[in-house]
Amino acid sequence: MHQLTASLVICLTAITSSLFSQTPVPDWYRALPHAWIETWLDPAFAGWCLDDDLRGVRCPLLALHGDRDEYGSVEHAKRIARLAQGSSNAMIYESCGHSPHQEQPARVVSEIARFHSVC
């Protein structure tokens, strides 16, 4: 597994644990964006793309994204949902930035619960 992908999985696990258990997010999680920025800007990483990996996803997938995300476009979530081979949906949150789980936590939890109920 690519190091960035592994970091993302760990990060998402920390977020999910925090949402459902009210446990504070660890300090290392706050430093993770700086590590990602260094990776994204590394010339050796310029051609990296998840498209082929996404085409291999066959399980239900919910891609959450804020319409005011300062780090990425809503097209990222739409592309993820479009390329995945399983049942997938891109949920775009209005008036929301990069962190829907922090900015609209009740809505995120509700959407995840709804998603799981129909999978």
N, C-alpha and C. Protein backbone atom coordinates (compact mmCIF):
# COMPACT_ATOMS: atom_id res chain seq x y z
N MET A 1 0.85 -1.18 0.00
CA MET A 1 0.00 0.00 0.00
C MET A 1 0.89 1.24 0.00
N HIS A 2 0.58 2.19 -0.83
CA HIS A 2 1.33 3.44 -0.91
C HIS A 2 1.29 4.13 0.45
N GLN A 3 2.40 4.77 0.85
CA GLN A 3 2.50 5.41 2.16
C GLN A 3 1.40 6.45 2.38
N LEU A 4 1.09 7.25 1.35
CA LEU A 4 0.05 8.26 1.49
C LEU A 4 -1.31 7.60 1.69
N THR A 5 -1.58 6.52 0.96
CA THR A 5 -2.84 5.81 1.11
C THR A 5 -2.95 5.23 2.51
N ALA A 6 -1.86 4.65 3.01
CA ALA A 6 -1.86 4.10 4.37
C ALA A 6 -2.11 5.20 5.38
N SER A 7 -1.50 6.36 5.19
CA SER A 7 -1.71 7.49 6.09
C SER A 7 -3.15 7.94 6.07
N LEU A 8 -3.75 7.96 4.88
CA LEU A 8 -5.15 8.37 4.76
C LEU A 8 -6.06 7.40 5.49
N VAL A 9 -5.80 6.11 5.37
CA VAL A 9 -6.60 5.12 6.08
C VAL A 9 -6.48 5.31 7.58
N ILE A 10 -5.27 5.53 8.07
CA ILE A 10 -5.06 5.76 9.50
C ILE A 10 -5.78 7.03 9.94
N CYS A 11 -5.68 8.08 9.12
CA CYS A 11 -6.33 9.35 9.44
C CYS A 11 -7.85 9.19 9.49
N LEU A 12 -8.42 8.50 8.52
CA LEU A 12 -9.87 8.29 8.50
C LEU A 12 -10.31 7.45 9.69
N THR A 13 -9.49 6.48 10.08
CA THR A 13 -9.80 5.68 11.26
C THR A 13 -9.84 6.57 12.51
N ALA A 14 -8.89 7.48 12.62
CA ALA A 14 -8.85 8.40 13.77
C ALA A 14 -10.07 9.30 13.78
N ILE A 15 -10.46 9.79 12.62
CA ILE A 15 -11.63 10.66 12.51
C ILE A 15 -12.88 9.91 12.91
N THR A 16 -13.05 8.71 12.36
CA THR A 16 -14.24 7.91 12.65
C THR A 16 -14.30 7.59 14.13
N SER A 17 -13.17 7.17 14.70
CA SER A 17 -13.15 6.88 16.14
C SER A 17 -13.53 8.10 16.95
N SER A 18 -13.04 9.26 16.54
CA SER A 18 -13.34 10.50 17.24
C SER A 18 -14.82 10.85 17.15
N LEU A 19 -15.41 10.67 15.98
CA LEU A 19 -16.82 10.99 15.79
C LEU A 19 -17.73 10.17 16.67
N PHE A 20 -17.44 8.86 16.76
CA PHE A 20 -18.35 7.97 17.44
C PHE A 20 -18.02 7.75 18.91
N SER A 21 -16.81 8.06 19.33
CA SER A 21 -16.46 7.82 20.73
C SER A 21 -16.18 9.10 21.50
N GLN A 22 -16.19 10.25 20.81
CA GLN A 22 -15.88 11.55 21.41
C GLN A 22 -14.45 11.61 21.93
N THR A 23 -13.58 10.72 21.46
CA THR A 23 -12.16 10.73 21.82
C THR A 23 -11.47 11.82 21.02
N PRO A 24 -10.64 12.64 21.65
CA PRO A 24 -9.94 13.68 20.90
C PRO A 24 -9.04 13.09 19.81
N VAL A 25 -8.90 13.81 18.73
CA VAL A 25 -8.01 13.39 17.64
C VAL A 25 -6.58 13.53 18.12
N PRO A 26 -5.72 12.52 17.87
CA PRO A 26 -4.33 12.57 18.34
C PRO A 26 -3.53 13.70 17.71
N ASP A 27 -2.47 14.12 18.41
CA ASP A 27 -1.62 15.21 17.91
C ASP A 27 -0.99 14.90 16.56
N TRP A 28 -0.60 13.63 16.33
CA TRP A 28 0.03 13.28 15.05
C TRP A 28 -0.91 13.55 13.89
N TYR A 29 -2.22 13.44 14.12
CA TYR A 29 -3.19 13.69 13.05
C TYR A 29 -3.12 15.15 12.60
N ARG A 30 -2.91 16.05 13.54
CA ARG A 30 -2.84 17.47 13.20
C ARG A 30 -1.59 17.79 12.35
N ALA A 31 -0.52 17.02 12.52
CA ALA A 31 0.71 17.24 11.76
C ALA A 31 0.67 16.58 10.38
N LEU A 32 -0.27 15.68 10.17
CA LEU A 32 -0.32 14.92 8.93
C LEU A 32 -0.46 15.78 7.67
N PRO A 33 -1.24 16.86 7.66
CA PRO A 33 -1.33 17.67 6.44
C PRO A 33 0.02 18.17 5.95
N HIS A 34 0.93 18.51 6.85
CA HIS A 34 2.25 19.00 6.44
C HIS A 34 3.02 17.89 5.71
N ALA A 35 2.89 16.66 6.20
CA ALA A 35 3.54 15.53 5.53
C ALA A 35 2.92 15.31 4.15
N TRP A 36 1.61 15.48 4.05
CA TRP A 36 0.94 15.32 2.76
C TRP A 36 1.39 16.40 1.77
N ILE A 37 1.49 17.62 2.25
CA ILE A 37 1.91 18.72 1.37
C ILE A 37 3.29 18.44 0.79
N GLU A 38 4.22 17.99 1.64
CA GLU A 38 5.55 17.65 1.15
C GLU A 38 5.49 16.55 0.10
N THR A 39 4.62 15.58 0.31
CA THR A 39 4.47 14.48 -0.65
C THR A 39 3.89 14.99 -1.96
N TRP A 40 2.81 15.78 -1.88
CA TRP A 40 2.16 16.29 -3.09
C TRP A 40 3.10 17.15 -3.93
N LEU A 41 3.99 17.88 -3.27
CA LEU A 41 4.90 18.77 -3.99
C LEU A 41 6.17 18.08 -4.48
N ASP A 42 6.41 16.86 -4.05
CA ASP A 42 7.59 16.12 -4.48
C ASP A 42 7.44 15.77 -5.97
N PRO A 43 8.41 16.16 -6.82
CA PRO A 43 8.32 15.88 -8.26
C PRO A 43 8.14 14.39 -8.57
N ALA A 44 8.68 13.52 -7.74
CA ALA A 44 8.55 12.08 -7.97
C ALA A 44 7.10 11.60 -7.82
N PHE A 45 6.28 12.40 -7.19
CA PHE A 45 4.90 12.05 -6.92
C PHE A 45 3.95 12.65 -7.96
N ALA A 46 4.45 13.46 -8.86
CA ALA A 46 3.62 14.22 -9.79
C ALA A 46 2.68 13.37 -10.63
N GLY A 47 3.09 12.17 -11.00
CA GLY A 47 2.25 11.35 -11.86
C GLY A 47 1.34 10.38 -11.14
N TRP A 48 1.35 10.42 -9.81
CA TRP A 48 0.56 9.47 -9.03
C TRP A 48 -0.92 9.73 -9.23
N CYS A 49 -1.69 8.67 -9.42
CA CYS A 49 -3.12 8.79 -9.67
C CYS A 49 -3.83 7.57 -9.10
N LEU A 50 -4.98 7.77 -8.52
CA LEU A 50 -5.75 6.67 -7.93
C LEU A 50 -6.75 6.04 -8.89
N ASP A 51 -6.85 6.51 -10.11
CA ASP A 51 -7.89 6.04 -11.01
C ASP A 51 -7.93 4.52 -11.14
N ASP A 52 -6.79 3.89 -11.40
CA ASP A 52 -6.77 2.43 -11.54
C ASP A 52 -7.19 1.73 -10.26
N ASP A 53 -6.74 2.25 -9.12
CA ASP A 53 -7.14 1.66 -7.84
C ASP A 53 -8.65 1.82 -7.61
N LEU A 54 -9.18 2.97 -7.95
CA LEU A 54 -10.62 3.21 -7.77
C LEU A 54 -11.45 2.27 -8.64
N ARG A 55 -10.97 1.98 -9.84
CA ARG A 55 -11.69 1.05 -10.71
C ARG A 55 -11.74 -0.36 -10.11
N GLY A 56 -10.88 -0.64 -9.16
CA GLY A 56 -10.87 -1.93 -8.48
C GLY A 56 -11.77 -1.98 -7.26
N VAL A 57 -12.34 -0.86 -6.85
CA VAL A 57 -13.23 -0.82 -5.68
C VAL A 57 -14.59 -1.37 -6.08
N ARG A 58 -15.01 -2.44 -5.40
CA ARG A 58 -16.26 -3.09 -5.75
C ARG A 58 -17.28 -3.06 -4.61
N CYS A 59 -16.91 -2.47 -3.51
CA CYS A 59 -17.83 -2.38 -2.37
C CYS A 59 -18.57 -1.04 -2.42
N PRO A 60 -19.65 -0.90 -1.67
CA PRO A 60 -20.34 0.39 -1.62
C PRO A 60 -19.39 1.48 -1.14
N LEU A 61 -19.51 2.67 -1.72
CA LEU A 61 -18.59 3.75 -1.44
C LEU A 61 -19.36 5.06 -1.30
N LEU A 62 -19.06 5.80 -0.26
CA LEU A 62 -19.64 7.12 -0.04
C LEU A 62 -18.50 8.12 0.03
N ALA A 63 -18.44 9.04 -0.94
CA ALA A 63 -17.39 10.07 -0.97
C ALA A 63 -17.99 11.38 -0.48
N LEU A 64 -17.50 11.89 0.64
CA LEU A 64 -18.00 13.12 1.23
C LEU A 64 -17.06 14.27 0.90
N HIS A 65 -17.64 15.43 0.55
CA HIS A 65 -16.80 16.57 0.18
C HIS A 65 -17.56 17.87 0.42
N GLY A 66 -16.87 18.87 0.94
CA GLY A 66 -17.47 20.19 1.12
C GLY A 66 -17.34 21.03 -0.14
N ASP A 67 -18.38 21.78 -0.48
CA ASP A 67 -18.34 22.59 -1.70
C ASP A 67 -17.42 23.80 -1.59
N ARG A 68 -16.95 24.08 -0.39
CA ARG A 68 -16.01 25.19 -0.18
C ARG A 68 -14.65 24.69 0.31
N ASP A 69 -14.34 23.45 -0.04
CA ASP A 69 -13.06 22.86 0.35
C ASP A 69 -11.92 23.68 -0.24
N GLU A 70 -11.06 24.18 0.62
CA GLU A 70 -9.96 25.03 0.17
C GLU A 70 -8.78 24.22 -0.38
N TYR A 71 -8.82 22.90 -0.24
CA TYR A 71 -7.71 22.06 -0.70
C TYR A 71 -8.06 21.21 -1.91
N GLY A 72 -9.31 21.09 -2.26
CA GLY A 72 -9.69 20.23 -3.37
C GLY A 72 -11.03 20.61 -3.94
N SER A 73 -11.29 20.10 -5.10
CA SER A 73 -12.51 20.39 -5.84
C SER A 73 -13.57 19.32 -5.57
N VAL A 74 -14.83 19.70 -5.69
CA VAL A 74 -15.91 18.72 -5.57
C VAL A 74 -15.77 17.65 -6.65
N GLU A 75 -15.03 17.98 -7.71
CA GLU A 75 -14.80 17.00 -8.78
C GLU A 75 -14.02 15.79 -8.26
N HIS A 76 -13.25 15.95 -7.19
CA HIS A 76 -12.53 14.81 -6.61
C HIS A 76 -13.53 13.76 -6.12
N ALA A 77 -14.50 14.17 -5.33
CA ALA A 77 -15.50 13.24 -4.80
C ALA A 77 -16.32 12.64 -5.94
N LYS A 78 -16.68 13.46 -6.90
CA LYS A 78 -17.47 12.96 -8.04
C LYS A 78 -16.67 11.93 -8.83
N ARG A 79 -15.39 12.18 -9.01
CA ARG A 79 -14.54 11.25 -9.76
C ARG A 79 -14.39 9.93 -9.01
N ILE A 80 -14.19 10.01 -7.71
CA ILE A 80 -14.09 8.80 -6.89
C ILE A 80 -15.35 7.96 -7.05
N ALA A 81 -16.51 8.59 -6.90
CA ALA A 81 -17.78 7.87 -7.02
C ALA A 81 -17.98 7.32 -8.43
N ARG A 82 -17.59 8.06 -9.42
CA ARG A 82 -17.78 7.65 -10.81
C ARG A 82 -16.88 6.46 -11.18
N LEU A 83 -15.65 6.45 -10.71
CA LEU A 83 -14.71 5.41 -11.10
C LEU A 83 -14.87 4.11 -10.32
N ALA A 84 -15.37 4.19 -9.10
CA ALA A 84 -15.57 2.97 -8.30
C ALA A 84 -16.60 2.08 -8.99
N GLN A 85 -16.37 0.79 -8.91
CA GLN A 85 -17.24 -0.17 -9.61
C GLN A 85 -18.43 -0.62 -8.77
N GLY A 86 -18.38 -0.42 -7.47
CA GLY A 86 -19.50 -0.80 -6.62
C GLY A 86 -20.53 0.32 -6.59
N SER A 87 -21.58 0.11 -5.86
CA SER A 87 -22.57 1.15 -5.65
C SER A 87 -21.88 2.33 -4.96
N SER A 88 -21.95 3.51 -5.57
CA SER A 88 -21.23 4.64 -4.99
C SER A 88 -22.03 5.92 -5.10
N ASN A 89 -21.69 6.85 -4.22
CA ASN A 89 -22.38 8.13 -4.19
C ASN A 89 -21.40 9.21 -3.72
N ALA A 90 -21.47 10.36 -4.38
CA ALA A 90 -20.70 11.52 -3.92
C ALA A 90 -21.67 12.45 -3.21
N MET A 91 -21.42 12.72 -1.95
CA MET A 91 -22.25 13.61 -1.17
C MET A 91 -21.50 14.93 -1.01
N ILE A 92 -22.02 15.98 -1.63
CA ILE A 92 -21.38 17.29 -1.57
C ILE A 92 -22.13 18.14 -0.55
N TYR A 93 -21.42 18.59 0.48
CA TYR A 93 -22.02 19.39 1.54
C TYR A 93 -21.92 20.87 1.20
N GLU A 94 -23.07 21.54 1.19
CA GLU A 94 -23.10 22.98 0.90
C GLU A 94 -22.59 23.77 2.09
N SER A 95 -21.94 24.88 1.79
CA SER A 95 -21.39 25.78 2.82
C SER A 95 -20.46 25.03 3.76
N CYS A 96 -19.64 24.16 3.19
CA CYS A 96 -18.75 23.33 3.99
C CYS A 96 -17.37 23.33 3.36
N GLY A 97 -16.35 23.40 4.19
CA GLY A 97 -14.98 23.40 3.72
C GLY A 97 -14.39 22.01 3.63
N HIS A 98 -13.14 21.88 4.04
CA HIS A 98 -12.36 20.66 3.87
C HIS A 98 -12.73 19.56 4.87
N SER A 99 -13.40 19.91 5.95
CA SER A 99 -13.62 18.94 7.03
C SER A 99 -15.10 18.80 7.39
N PRO A 100 -15.89 18.16 6.53
CA PRO A 100 -17.31 18.01 6.84
C PRO A 100 -17.56 17.35 8.20
N HIS A 101 -16.69 16.40 8.57
CA HIS A 101 -16.87 15.71 9.85
C HIS A 101 -16.74 16.65 11.04
N GLN A 102 -16.03 17.78 10.87
CA GLN A 102 -15.90 18.76 11.95
C GLN A 102 -16.89 19.91 11.78
N GLU A 103 -17.16 20.30 10.55
CA GLU A 103 -18.03 21.44 10.29
C GLU A 103 -19.51 21.10 10.36
N GLN A 104 -19.87 19.88 9.97
CA GLN A 104 -21.27 19.46 9.97
C GLN A 104 -21.37 18.02 10.50
N PRO A 105 -20.89 17.80 11.74
CA PRO A 105 -20.79 16.42 12.25
C PRO A 105 -22.12 15.68 12.31
N ALA A 106 -23.19 16.33 12.72
CA ALA A 106 -24.48 15.63 12.81
C ALA A 106 -24.93 15.17 11.43
N ARG A 107 -24.75 16.01 10.44
CA ARG A 107 -25.14 15.65 9.08
C ARG A 107 -24.28 14.50 8.54
N VAL A 108 -22.98 14.53 8.82
CA VAL A 108 -22.09 13.45 8.37
C VAL A 108 -22.50 12.13 9.01
N VAL A 109 -22.71 12.13 10.31
CA VAL A 109 -23.11 10.90 11.00
C VAL A 109 -24.44 10.39 10.45
N SER A 110 -25.39 11.30 10.23
CA SER A 110 -26.69 10.93 9.68
C SER A 110 -26.55 10.32 8.28
N GLU A 111 -25.72 10.94 7.44
CA GLU A 111 -25.52 10.46 6.08
C GLU A 111 -24.83 9.10 6.07
N ILE A 112 -23.86 8.91 6.94
CA ILE A 112 -23.18 7.62 7.03
C ILE A 112 -24.16 6.54 7.49
N ALA A 113 -24.97 6.86 8.48
CA ALA A 113 -25.97 5.90 8.97
C ALA A 113 -26.97 5.54 7.87
N ARG A 114 -27.42 6.54 7.11
CA ARG A 114 -28.35 6.29 6.01
C ARG A 114 -27.68 5.42 4.95
N PHE A 115 -26.43 5.73 4.63
CA PHE A 115 -25.69 4.99 3.63
C PHE A 115 -25.57 3.50 4.05
N HIS A 116 -25.24 3.28 5.32
CA HIS A 116 -25.09 1.91 5.81
C HIS A 116 -26.43 1.16 5.81
N SER A 117 -27.51 1.89 6.00
CA SER A 117 -28.83 1.23 6.05
C SER A 117 -29.28 0.74 4.68
N VAL A 118 -28.76 1.32 3.61
CA VAL A 118 -29.17 0.88 2.27
C VAL A 118 -28.13 0.01 1.59
N CYS A 119 -27.00 -0.21 2.22
CA CYS A 119 -25.94 -1.05 1.61
C CYS A 119 -26.23 -2.51 1.81
